[in-house]
Protein backbone atom coordinates (compact mmCIF):
# COMPACT_ATOMS: atom_id res chain seq x y z
CA UNK A 1 -8.68 4.15 7.47
CA UNK A 2 -10.76 1.55 9.26
CA UNK A 3 -14.03 2.74 7.70
CA UNK A 4 -12.39 2.60 4.27
CA UNK A 5 -11.21 -0.94 4.96
CA UNK A 6 -14.63 -1.86 6.34
CA UNK A 7 -16.31 -0.63 3.14
CA UNK A 8 -13.76 -2.47 1.01
CA UNK A 9 -14.24 -5.61 3.09
CA UNK A 10 -17.97 -5.60 2.52
CA UNK A 11 -17.71 -4.65 -1.16
CA UNK A 12 -15.10 -7.29 -2.06
CA UNK A 13 -16.12 -9.88 0.55
CA UNK A 14 -12.62 -9.95 2.04
CA UNK A 15 -12.29 -10.37 5.82
CA UNK A 16 -11.50 -7.08 7.56
CA UNK A 17 -8.68 -8.78 9.48
CA UNK A 18 -7.02 -9.74 6.18
CA UNK A 19 -7.17 -6.16 4.91
CA UNK A 20 -5.77 -4.80 8.18
CA UNK A 21 -2.91 -7.31 8.12
CA UNK A 22 -2.04 -6.47 4.51
CA UNK A 23 -2.21 -2.72 5.19
CA UNK A 24 0.18 -3.17 8.13
CA UNK A 25 2.58 -5.23 5.99
CA UNK A 26 2.52 -2.60 3.21
CA UNK A 27 3.26 0.10 5.81
CA UNK A 28 6.16 -1.90 7.27
CA UNK A 29 7.57 -2.23 3.73
CA UNK A 30 7.31 1.57 3.39
CA UNK A 31 4.93 1.22 0.43
CA UNK A 32 2.04 3.08 2.08
CA UNK A 33 1.55 5.31 5.11
CA UNK A 34 -1.43 5.97 7.33
CA UNK A 35 -2.14 7.27 10.79
CA UNK A 36 -3.21 5.51 13.95
CA UNK A 37 -6.30 5.54 16.11
CA UNK A 38 -4.87 8.58 17.93
CA UNK A 39 -3.28 10.33 14.93
CA UNK A 40 -5.76 10.50 12.06
CA UNK A 41 -4.06 10.62 8.65
CA UNK A 42 -5.28 9.83 5.16
CA UNK A 43 -3.70 6.70 3.70
CA UNK A 44 -1.11 7.51 1.04
CA UNK A 45 1.12 5.64 -1.35
CA UNK A 46 4.78 6.37 -0.53
CA UNK A 47 7.46 7.05 -3.16
CA UNK A 48 8.63 3.45 -3.06
CA UNK A 49 5.03 2.30 -3.41
CA UNK A 50 4.57 4.51 -6.49
CA UNK A 51 7.72 3.03 -7.98
CA UNK A 52 6.44 -0.52 -7.41
CA UNK A 53 3.06 0.39 -8.93
CA UNK A 54 4.79 1.73 -12.04
CA UNK A 55 6.87 -1.46 -12.29
CA UNK A 56 3.71 -3.57 -12.09
CA UNK A 57 1.81 -1.38 -14.55
CA UNK A 58 2.52 -0.68 -18.16
CA UNK A 59 4.05 2.77 -17.64
CA UNK A 60 7.74 3.01 -18.51
CA UNK A 61 9.87 3.45 -15.42
CA UNK A 62 13.00 5.53 -15.75
CA UNK A 63 15.05 3.18 -13.62
CA UNK A 64 17.90 0.84 -14.27
CA UNK A 65 18.88 -2.24 -12.30
CA UNK A 66 22.55 -3.14 -12.17
CA UNK A 67 23.85 -6.59 -11.41
CA UNK A 68 27.38 -7.43 -10.39
CA UNK A 69 29.36 -9.49 -12.93
């Protein structure tokens, strides 16, 4: 994942440390998953992350939010 972040950092002119911090925060929120330096794993969007992406996009989301009266 680091090489991907490094490429993104150079392309978008965003500090690598900022991208790493945000990736870690997204992982802690269970929005994405990725491996570690010992366990290589392709970065993936988790189910909750897909749901959030659909909420932010213009796709209809088949979900209902209930509020207590």
